[in-house]
Amino acid sequence: MSGWGCPHEVNGICDKVDGAWCRPGMMGCILYGKVTFRDGVVPSPVWPPGHERNRPSGLPGPESATENP
């Protein structure tokens, strides 16, 4: 068994793929096209809830919301 640590992964988030969850081998990853997984499936990037990629365009994000007293 071997281990590997990616220099672009910080707390489970990939700095190289615009803040997506770290999924080794996904498009944009430094491993993309260099490794083959047993199931043959290349993972797709997935962004955490609240990330701007998960918001329909034109809708404000949570940072622009105001609280009502």
N, C-alpha and C. Protein backbone atom coordinates (compact mmCIF):
# COMPACT_ATOMS: atom_id res chain seq x y z
N MET A 1 0.86 -1.17 0.00
CA MET A 1 0.00 0.00 0.00
C MET A 1 0.90 1.23 0.00
N SER A 2 0.48 2.25 -0.69
CA SER A 2 1.25 3.49 -0.72
C SER A 2 0.33 4.66 -0.43
N GLY A 3 0.93 5.76 -0.05
CA GLY A 3 0.16 6.96 0.23
C GLY A 3 0.67 8.11 -0.63
N TRP A 4 -0.17 9.09 -0.81
CA TRP A 4 0.20 10.23 -1.62
C TRP A 4 -0.52 11.44 -1.10
N GLY A 5 0.15 12.57 -1.03
CA GLY A 5 -0.47 13.80 -0.61
C GLY A 5 -0.34 14.84 -1.71
N CYS A 6 -1.42 15.47 -2.05
CA CYS A 6 -1.42 16.46 -3.13
C CYS A 6 -1.11 17.84 -2.57
N PRO A 7 -0.21 18.58 -3.20
CA PRO A 7 0.10 19.92 -2.72
C PRO A 7 -1.03 20.92 -2.97
N HIS A 8 -2.02 20.57 -3.79
CA HIS A 8 -3.14 21.46 -4.10
C HIS A 8 -4.35 21.23 -3.21
N GLU A 9 -4.33 20.18 -2.38
CA GLU A 9 -5.46 19.84 -1.52
C GLU A 9 -5.28 20.49 -0.15
N VAL A 10 -6.28 21.28 0.26
CA VAL A 10 -6.26 21.92 1.58
C VAL A 10 -7.60 21.64 2.24
N ASN A 11 -7.56 20.87 3.32
CA ASN A 11 -8.79 20.52 4.06
C ASN A 11 -9.86 19.90 3.16
N GLY A 12 -9.45 19.06 2.25
CA GLY A 12 -10.39 18.36 1.37
C GLY A 12 -10.82 19.14 0.15
N ILE A 13 -10.34 20.37 0.00
CA ILE A 13 -10.71 21.22 -1.14
C ILE A 13 -9.52 21.35 -2.08
N CYS A 14 -9.79 21.31 -3.38
CA CYS A 14 -8.74 21.41 -4.39
C CYS A 14 -8.56 22.87 -4.83
N ASP A 15 -7.37 23.42 -4.58
CA ASP A 15 -7.08 24.78 -5.01
C ASP A 15 -6.86 24.87 -6.51
N LYS A 16 -6.52 23.76 -7.14
CA LYS A 16 -6.25 23.76 -8.58
C LYS A 16 -7.54 23.73 -9.41
N VAL A 17 -8.60 23.13 -8.88
CA VAL A 17 -9.86 22.99 -9.61
C VAL A 17 -10.93 23.89 -8.97
N ASP A 18 -10.63 25.16 -8.85
CA ASP A 18 -11.58 26.20 -8.44
C ASP A 18 -12.39 25.86 -7.19
N GLY A 19 -11.75 25.26 -6.19
CA GLY A 19 -12.44 25.01 -4.93
C GLY A 19 -13.34 23.81 -4.89
N ALA A 20 -13.20 22.88 -5.83
CA ALA A 20 -14.01 21.65 -5.82
C ALA A 20 -13.48 20.72 -4.72
N TRP A 21 -14.34 19.79 -4.29
CA TRP A 21 -13.86 18.76 -3.38
C TRP A 21 -12.72 18.02 -4.06
N CYS A 22 -11.72 17.61 -3.30
CA CYS A 22 -10.60 16.87 -3.85
C CYS A 22 -11.07 15.47 -4.26
N ARG A 23 -10.97 15.19 -5.55
CA ARG A 23 -11.31 13.86 -6.09
C ARG A 23 -10.18 13.49 -7.03
N PRO A 24 -9.19 12.73 -6.54
CA PRO A 24 -8.01 12.42 -7.36
C PRO A 24 -8.38 11.90 -8.75
N GLY A 25 -7.77 12.50 -9.75
CA GLY A 25 -7.98 12.08 -11.13
C GLY A 25 -9.05 12.85 -11.88
N MET A 26 -9.80 13.74 -11.20
CA MET A 26 -10.85 14.48 -11.90
C MET A 26 -10.24 15.43 -12.92
N MET A 27 -11.04 15.87 -13.89
CA MET A 27 -10.55 16.79 -14.90
C MET A 27 -10.01 18.05 -14.21
N GLY A 28 -8.80 18.44 -14.54
CA GLY A 28 -8.15 19.58 -13.93
C GLY A 28 -7.14 19.18 -12.86
N CYS A 29 -7.27 17.98 -12.33
CA CYS A 29 -6.35 17.45 -11.32
C CYS A 29 -5.00 17.15 -11.97
N ILE A 30 -3.92 17.25 -11.20
CA ILE A 30 -2.60 16.95 -11.76
C ILE A 30 -2.45 15.47 -12.11
N LEU A 31 -3.35 14.63 -11.61
CA LEU A 31 -3.31 13.20 -11.95
C LEU A 31 -4.15 12.87 -13.18
N TYR A 32 -4.96 13.82 -13.65
CA TYR A 32 -5.86 13.56 -14.78
C TYR A 32 -5.07 13.07 -15.99
N GLY A 33 -5.46 11.91 -16.51
CA GLY A 33 -4.81 11.32 -17.68
C GLY A 33 -3.53 10.57 -17.38
N LYS A 34 -3.07 10.62 -16.13
CA LYS A 34 -1.82 9.95 -15.76
C LYS A 34 -2.05 8.65 -15.01
N VAL A 35 -3.27 8.48 -14.50
CA VAL A 35 -3.59 7.27 -13.74
C VAL A 35 -4.86 6.64 -14.30
N THR A 36 -5.00 5.35 -14.07
CA THR A 36 -6.21 4.63 -14.46
C THR A 36 -6.78 4.00 -13.20
N PHE A 37 -8.05 4.22 -12.97
CA PHE A 37 -8.69 3.65 -11.80
C PHE A 37 -9.27 2.28 -12.14
N ARG A 38 -9.41 1.46 -11.14
CA ARG A 38 -9.86 0.10 -11.35
C ARG A 38 -11.20 0.02 -12.07
N ASP A 39 -12.13 0.93 -11.72
CA ASP A 39 -13.46 0.90 -12.35
C ASP A 39 -13.46 1.59 -13.71
N GLY A 40 -12.36 2.27 -14.07
CA GLY A 40 -12.25 2.92 -15.38
C GLY A 40 -13.00 4.24 -15.50
N VAL A 41 -13.61 4.71 -14.40
CA VAL A 41 -14.39 5.94 -14.42
C VAL A 41 -13.53 7.11 -13.95
N VAL A 42 -13.55 8.19 -14.73
CA VAL A 42 -12.85 9.41 -14.34
C VAL A 42 -13.82 10.26 -13.53
N PRO A 43 -13.45 10.59 -12.27
CA PRO A 43 -14.38 11.37 -11.45
C PRO A 43 -14.61 12.78 -12.00
N SER A 44 -15.80 13.28 -11.82
CA SER A 44 -16.14 14.65 -12.21
C SER A 44 -15.96 15.56 -11.01
N PRO A 45 -15.61 16.83 -11.24
CA PRO A 45 -15.51 17.76 -10.11
C PRO A 45 -16.86 17.97 -9.42
N VAL A 46 -16.83 18.07 -8.11
CA VAL A 46 -18.02 18.33 -7.30
C VAL A 46 -17.66 19.47 -6.36
N TRP A 47 -18.50 20.51 -6.32
CA TRP A 47 -18.24 21.66 -5.48
C TRP A 47 -19.06 21.59 -4.21
N PRO A 48 -18.52 22.11 -3.10
CA PRO A 48 -19.25 22.11 -1.83
C PRO A 48 -20.53 22.94 -1.91
N PRO A 49 -21.50 22.66 -1.05
CA PRO A 49 -22.73 23.46 -1.01
C PRO A 49 -22.39 24.93 -0.77
N GLY A 50 -23.08 25.82 -1.45
CA GLY A 50 -22.85 27.24 -1.29
C GLY A 50 -21.79 27.82 -2.21
N HIS A 51 -21.03 26.97 -2.90
CA HIS A 51 -20.02 27.45 -3.84
C HIS A 51 -20.74 28.08 -5.03
N GLU A 52 -20.16 29.12 -5.60
CA GLU A 52 -20.83 29.84 -6.69
C GLU A 52 -21.16 28.95 -7.88
N ARG A 53 -20.46 27.85 -8.08
CA ARG A 53 -20.77 26.95 -9.20
C ARG A 53 -22.06 26.18 -8.97
N ASN A 54 -22.51 26.10 -7.72
CA ASN A 54 -23.76 25.39 -7.40
C ASN A 54 -24.97 26.31 -7.43
N ARG A 55 -24.78 27.61 -7.63
CA ARG A 55 -25.86 28.58 -7.63
C ARG A 55 -26.33 28.87 -9.04
N PRO A 56 -27.62 28.88 -9.28
CA PRO A 56 -28.10 29.29 -10.60
C PRO A 56 -27.65 30.73 -10.87
N SER A 57 -27.28 31.03 -12.08
CA SER A 57 -26.80 32.37 -12.39
C SER A 57 -27.87 33.42 -12.11
N GLY A 58 -27.42 34.57 -11.64
CA GLY A 58 -28.32 35.66 -11.35
C GLY A 58 -28.85 35.67 -9.93
N LEU A 59 -28.69 34.58 -9.19
CA LEU A 59 -29.16 34.57 -7.81
C LEU A 59 -28.04 34.97 -6.87
N PRO A 60 -28.34 35.76 -5.87
CA PRO A 60 -27.30 36.18 -4.92
C PRO A 60 -26.89 35.02 -4.04
N GLY A 61 -25.67 35.06 -3.58
CA GLY A 61 -25.17 34.03 -2.68
C GLY A 61 -25.46 34.36 -1.23
N PRO A 62 -25.12 33.46 -0.32
CA PRO A 62 -25.42 33.66 1.10
C PRO A 62 -24.68 34.86 1.68
N GLU A 63 -23.55 35.25 1.09
CA GLU A 63 -22.78 36.38 1.60
C GLU A 63 -23.50 37.71 1.39
N SER A 64 -24.49 37.76 0.49
CA SER A 64 -25.21 39.00 0.25
C SER A 64 -26.54 39.06 1.01
N ALA A 65 -26.85 38.01 1.76
CA ALA A 65 -28.12 37.98 2.50
C ALA A 65 -28.02 38.87 3.74
N THR A 66 -29.13 39.44 4.12
CA THR A 66 -29.18 40.24 5.34
C THR A 66 -30.11 39.56 6.32
N GLU A 67 -29.80 39.74 7.60
CA GLU A 67 -30.62 39.12 8.64
C GLU A 67 -31.72 40.08 9.05
N ASN A 68 -32.89 39.52 9.32
CA ASN A 68 -34.01 40.29 9.85
C ASN A 68 -34.05 40.13 11.35
N PRO A 69 -34.17 41.22 12.12
CA PRO A 69 -34.17 41.09 13.59
C PRO A 69 -35.40 40.40 14.11
